[in-house]
Amino acid sequence: RILIFPKGNNVDHLSLYLDVADSATLPYGWSRYAQFSLAVINQIHNKYSIRK
């Protein structure tokens, strides 16, 4: 899941985190490789939209 803090997480800017749901129930040493991208869409001027 993605955690979003629009006013930041003890900072003055947007904070985003990729979180593992129910991580407390996973065995010690558990890991997972994840690949994701983030897109910011400008609905007025598409040339300003970005994906990273």
PDB file of N, CA and C in Angstrom:
ATOM      1  N   ARG A   1       0.840  -1.179   0.000  1.00  0.00           N
ATOM      2  CA  ARG A   1       0.000   0.000   0.000  1.00  0.00           C
ATOM      3  C   ARG A   1       0.883   1.239   0.000  1.00  0.00           C
ATOM      4  N   ILE A   2       0.307   2.345  -0.406  1.00  0.00           N
ATOM      5  CA  ILE A   2       1.037   3.607  -0.442  1.00  0.00           C
ATOM      6  C   ILE A   2       0.496   4.500   0.668  1.00  0.00           C
ATOM      7  N   LEU A   3       1.387   4.989   1.498  1.00  0.00           N
ATOM      8  CA  LEU A   3       1.021   5.933   2.550  1.00  0.00           C
ATOM      9  C   LEU A   3       1.348   7.330   2.045  1.00  0.00           C
ATOM     10  N   ILE A   4       0.390   8.241   2.137  1.00  0.00           N
ATOM     11  CA  ILE A   4       0.568   9.603   1.647  1.00  0.00           C
ATOM     12  C   ILE A   4       0.308  10.583   2.783  1.00  0.00           C
ATOM     13  N   PHE A   5       1.271  11.467   2.992  1.00  0.00           N
ATOM     14  CA  PHE A   5       1.145  12.531   3.976  1.00  0.00           C
ATOM     15  C   PHE A   5       1.224  13.857   3.218  1.00  0.00           C
ATOM     16  N   PRO A   6       0.069  14.439   2.828  1.00  0.00           N
ATOM     17  CA  PRO A   6       0.076  15.653   2.000  1.00  0.00           C
ATOM     18  C   PRO A   6       0.832  16.825   2.629  1.00  0.00           C
ATOM     19  N   LYS A   7       0.823  16.916   3.945  1.00  0.00           N
ATOM     20  CA  LYS A   7       1.525  18.021   4.615  1.00  0.00           C
ATOM     21  C   LYS A   7       2.849  17.568   5.197  1.00  0.00           C
ATOM     22  N   GLY A   8       3.322  16.415   4.777  1.00  0.00           N
ATOM     23  CA  GLY A   8       4.619  15.915   5.212  1.00  0.00           C
ATOM     24  C   GLY A   8       4.542  15.061   6.461  1.00  0.00           C
ATOM     25  N   ASN A   9       5.636  14.378   6.731  1.00  0.00           N
ATOM     26  CA  ASN A   9       5.791  13.538   7.913  1.00  0.00           C
ATOM     27  C   ASN A   9       6.967  14.124   8.691  1.00  0.00           C
ATOM     28  N   ASN A  10       6.670  15.152   9.481  1.00  0.00           N
ATOM     29  CA  ASN A  10       7.680  15.925  10.217  1.00  0.00           C
ATOM     30  C   ASN A  10       8.610  16.688   9.282  1.00  0.00           C
ATOM     31  N   VAL A  11       8.130  17.027   8.090  1.00  0.00           N
ATOM     32  CA  VAL A  11       8.861  17.853   7.119  1.00  0.00           C
ATOM     33  C   VAL A  11       7.871  18.827   6.477  1.00  0.00           C
ATOM     34  N   ASP A  12       8.372  19.753   5.687  1.00  0.00           N
ATOM     35  CA  ASP A  12       7.516  20.773   5.081  1.00  0.00           C
ATOM     36  C   ASP A  12       7.131  20.465   3.637  1.00  0.00           C
ATOM     37  N   HIS A  13       7.116  19.195   3.261  1.00  0.00           N
ATOM     38  CA  HIS A  13       6.748  18.826   1.897  1.00  0.00           C
ATOM     39  C   HIS A  13       6.026  17.476   1.908  1.00  0.00           C
ATOM     40  N   LEU A  14       5.423  17.136   0.789  1.00  0.00           N
ATOM     41  CA  LEU A  14       4.695  15.876   0.628  1.00  0.00           C
ATOM     42  C   LEU A  14       5.598  14.684   0.932  1.00  0.00           C
ATOM     43  N   SER A  15       5.082  13.705   1.659  1.00  0.00           N
ATOM     44  CA  SER A  15       5.822  12.471   1.937  1.00  0.00           C
ATOM     45  C   SER A  15       5.016  11.281   1.431  1.00  0.00           C
ATOM     46  N   LEU A  16       5.682  10.377   0.698  1.00  0.00           N
ATOM     47  CA  LEU A  16       5.074   9.152   0.183  1.00  0.00           C
ATOM     48  C   LEU A  16       5.905   7.963   0.629  1.00  0.00           C
ATOM     49  N   TYR A  17       5.239   6.881   1.028  1.00  0.00           N
ATOM     50  CA  TYR A  17       5.934   5.668   1.446  1.00  0.00           C
ATOM     51  C   TYR A  17       5.258   4.456   0.827  1.00  0.00           C
ATOM     52  N   LEU A  18       6.043   3.509   0.388  1.00  0.00           N
ATOM     53  CA  LEU A  18       5.534   2.217  -0.049  1.00  0.00           C
ATOM     54  C   LEU A  18       5.623   1.305   1.163  1.00  0.00           C
ATOM     55  N   ASP A  19       4.492   0.787   1.615  1.00  0.00           N
ATOM     56  CA  ASP A  19       4.401   0.055   2.877  1.00  0.00           C
ATOM     57  C   ASP A  19       3.982  -1.390   2.628  1.00  0.00           C
ATOM     58  N   VAL A  20       4.450  -2.292   3.476  1.00  0.00           N
ATOM     59  CA  VAL A  20       4.036  -3.694   3.431  1.00  0.00           C
ATOM     60  C   VAL A  20       2.898  -3.874   4.432  1.00  0.00           C
ATOM     61  N   ALA A  21       1.739  -4.279   3.947  1.00  0.00           N
ATOM     62  CA  ALA A  21       0.594  -4.507   4.822  1.00  0.00           C
ATOM     63  C   ALA A  21       0.864  -5.695   5.739  1.00  0.00           C
ATOM     64  N   ASP A  22       0.447  -5.610   6.981  1.00  0.00           N
ATOM     65  CA  ASP A  22       0.592  -6.681   7.977  1.00  0.00           C
ATOM     66  C   ASP A  22       2.044  -7.122   8.152  1.00  0.00           C
ATOM     67  N   SER A  23       2.975  -6.196   8.111  1.00  0.00           N
ATOM     68  CA  SER A  23       4.398  -6.544   8.204  1.00  0.00           C
ATOM     69  C   SER A  23       4.759  -7.182   9.547  1.00  0.00           C
ATOM     70  N   ALA A  24       4.004  -6.897  10.596  1.00  0.00           N
ATOM     71  CA  ALA A  24       4.300  -7.468  11.911  1.00  0.00           C
ATOM     72  C   ALA A  24       4.088  -8.979  11.938  1.00  0.00           C
ATOM     73  N   THR A  25       3.304  -9.520  11.012  1.00  0.00           N
ATOM     74  CA  THR A  25       3.024 -10.959  11.005  1.00  0.00           C
ATOM     75  C   THR A  25       3.987 -11.746  10.117  1.00  0.00           C
ATOM     76  N   LEU A  26       4.889 -11.063   9.439  1.00  0.00           N
ATOM     77  CA  LEU A  26       5.824 -11.743   8.536  1.00  0.00           C
ATOM     78  C   LEU A  26       7.002 -12.312   9.318  1.00  0.00           C
ATOM     79  N   PRO A  27       7.588 -13.415   8.859  1.00  0.00           N
ATOM     80  CA  PRO A  27       8.715 -14.016   9.572  1.00  0.00           C
ATOM     81  C   PRO A  27       9.954 -13.121   9.532  1.00  0.00           C
ATOM     82  N   TYR A  28      10.819 -13.276  10.527  1.00  0.00           N
ATOM     83  CA  TYR A  28      12.062 -12.505  10.612  1.00  0.00           C
ATOM     84  C   TYR A  28      12.891 -12.726   9.347  1.00  0.00           C
ATOM     85  N   GLY A  29      13.421 -11.656   8.794  1.00  0.00           N
ATOM     86  CA  GLY A  29      14.247 -11.759   7.608  1.00  0.00           C
ATOM     87  C   GLY A  29      13.479 -11.757   6.300  1.00  0.00           C
ATOM     88  N   TRP A  30      12.157 -11.676   6.378  1.00  0.00           N
ATOM     89  CA  TRP A  30      11.338 -11.671   5.174  1.00  0.00           C
ATOM     90  C   TRP A  30      11.696 -10.479   4.302  1.00  0.00           C
ATOM     91  N   SER A  31      11.690 -10.679   3.003  1.00  0.00           N
ATOM     92  CA  SER A  31      11.931  -9.561   2.089  1.00  0.00           C
ATOM     93  C   SER A  31      11.168  -9.793   0.792  1.00  0.00           C
ATOM     94  N   ARG A  32      10.995  -8.724   0.056  1.00  0.00           N
ATOM     95  CA  ARG A  32      10.297  -8.785  -1.225  1.00  0.00           C
ATOM     96  C   ARG A  32      10.867  -7.686  -2.105  1.00  0.00           C
ATOM     97  N   TYR A  33      11.154  -8.032  -3.351  1.00  0.00           N
ATOM     98  CA  TYR A  33      11.593  -7.037  -4.318  1.00  0.00           C
ATOM     99  C   TYR A  33      10.350  -6.435  -4.959  1.00  0.00           C
ATOM    100  N   ALA A  34      10.287  -5.133  -5.012  1.00  0.00           N
ATOM    101  CA  ALA A  34       9.145  -4.460  -5.633  1.00  0.00           C
ATOM    102  C   ALA A  34       9.645  -3.373  -6.568  1.00  0.00           C
ATOM    103  N   GLN A  35       8.991  -3.261  -7.696  1.00  0.00           N
ATOM    104  CA  GLN A  35       9.308  -2.201  -8.643  1.00  0.00           C
ATOM    105  C   GLN A  35       8.025  -1.433  -8.900  1.00  0.00           C
ATOM    106  N   PHE A  36       8.082  -0.124  -8.778  1.00  0.00           N
ATOM    107  CA  PHE A  36       6.892   0.681  -9.001  1.00  0.00           C
ATOM    108  C   PHE A  36       7.288   2.009  -9.629  1.00  0.00           C
ATOM    109  N   SER A  37       6.311   2.690 -10.171  1.00  0.00           N
ATOM    110  CA  SER A  37       6.558   4.021 -10.720  1.00  0.00           C
ATOM    111  C   SER A  37       5.487   4.961 -10.192  1.00  0.00           C
ATOM    112  N   LEU A  38       5.810   6.222 -10.202  1.00  0.00           N
ATOM    113  CA  LEU A  38       4.907   7.258  -9.724  1.00  0.00           C
ATOM    114  C   LEU A  38       4.662   8.230 -10.868  1.00  0.00           C
ATOM    115  N   ALA A  39       3.415   8.576 -11.101  1.00  0.00           N
ATOM    116  CA  ALA A  39       3.075   9.543 -12.150  1.00  0.00           C
ATOM    117  C   ALA A  39       2.371  10.733 -11.517  1.00  0.00           C
ATOM    118  N   VAL A  40       2.774  11.921 -11.938  1.00  0.00           N
ATOM    119  CA  VAL A  40       2.095  13.158 -11.552  1.00  0.00           C
ATOM    120  C   VAL A  40       1.522  13.737 -12.842  1.00  0.00           C
ATOM    121  N   ILE A  41       0.203  13.824 -12.903  1.00  0.00           N
ATOM    122  CA  ILE A  41      -0.488  14.221 -14.123  1.00  0.00           C
ATOM    123  C   ILE A  41      -0.977  15.664 -14.007  1.00  0.00           C
ATOM    124  N   ASN A  42      -0.574  16.493 -14.956  1.00  0.00           N
ATOM    125  CA  ASN A  42      -1.092  17.850 -15.069  1.00  0.00           C
ATOM    126  C   ASN A  42      -2.240  17.796 -16.072  1.00  0.00           C
ATOM    127  N   GLN A  43      -3.465  17.945 -15.607  1.00  0.00           N
ATOM    128  CA  GLN A  43      -4.636  17.794 -16.466  1.00  0.00           C
ATOM    129  C   GLN A  43      -4.852  18.985 -17.396  1.00  0.00           C
ATOM    130  N   ILE A  44      -4.174  20.089 -17.137  1.00  0.00           N
ATOM    131  CA  ILE A  44      -4.319  21.271 -17.987  1.00  0.00           C
ATOM    132  C   ILE A  44      -3.268  21.292 -19.091  1.00  0.00           C
ATOM    133  N   HIS A  45      -2.012  21.040 -18.723  1.00  0.00           N
ATOM    134  CA  HIS A  45      -0.903  21.036 -19.685  1.00  0.00           C
ATOM    135  C   HIS A  45      -0.177  19.699 -19.579  1.00  0.00           C
ATOM    136  N   ASN A  46      -0.527  18.758 -20.436  1.00  0.00           N
ATOM    137  CA  ASN A  46       0.025  17.406 -20.374  1.00  0.00           C
ATOM    138  C   ASN A  46       1.549  17.373 -20.461  1.00  0.00           C
ATOM    139  N   LYS A  47       2.163  18.369 -21.097  1.00  0.00           N
ATOM    140  CA  LYS A  47       3.625  18.381 -21.239  1.00  0.00           C
ATOM    141  C   LYS A  47       4.327  18.498 -19.889  1.00  0.00           C
ATOM    142  N   TYR A  48       3.605  18.917 -18.855  1.00  0.00           N
ATOM    143  CA  TYR A  48       4.183  19.021 -17.521  1.00  0.00           C
ATOM    144  C   TYR A  48       3.956  17.764 -16.679  1.00  0.00           C
ATOM    145  N   SER A  49       3.297  16.769 -17.221  1.00  0.00           N
ATOM    146  CA  SER A  49       3.099  15.496 -16.521  1.00  0.00           C
ATOM    147  C   SER A  49       4.410  14.722 -16.521  1.00  0.00           C
ATOM    148  N   ILE A  50       4.668  13.995 -15.432  1.00  0.00           N
ATOM    149  CA  ILE A  50       5.909  13.221 -15.327  1.00  0.00           C
ATOM    150  C   ILE A  50       5.624  11.839 -14.762  1.00  0.00           C
ATOM    151  N   ARG A  51       6.518  10.909 -15.070  1.00  0.00           N
ATOM    152  CA  ARG A  51       6.468   9.556 -14.513  1.00  0.00           C
ATOM    153  C   ARG A  51       7.889   9.171 -14.155  1.00  0.00           C
ATOM    154  N   LYS A  52       8.064   8.689 -12.938  1.00  0.00           N
ATOM    155  CA  LYS A  52       9.396   8.259 -12.484  1.00  0.00           C
ATOM    156  C   LYS A  52       9.289   6.924 -11.809  1.00  0.00           C
TER     157      LYS A  52
END
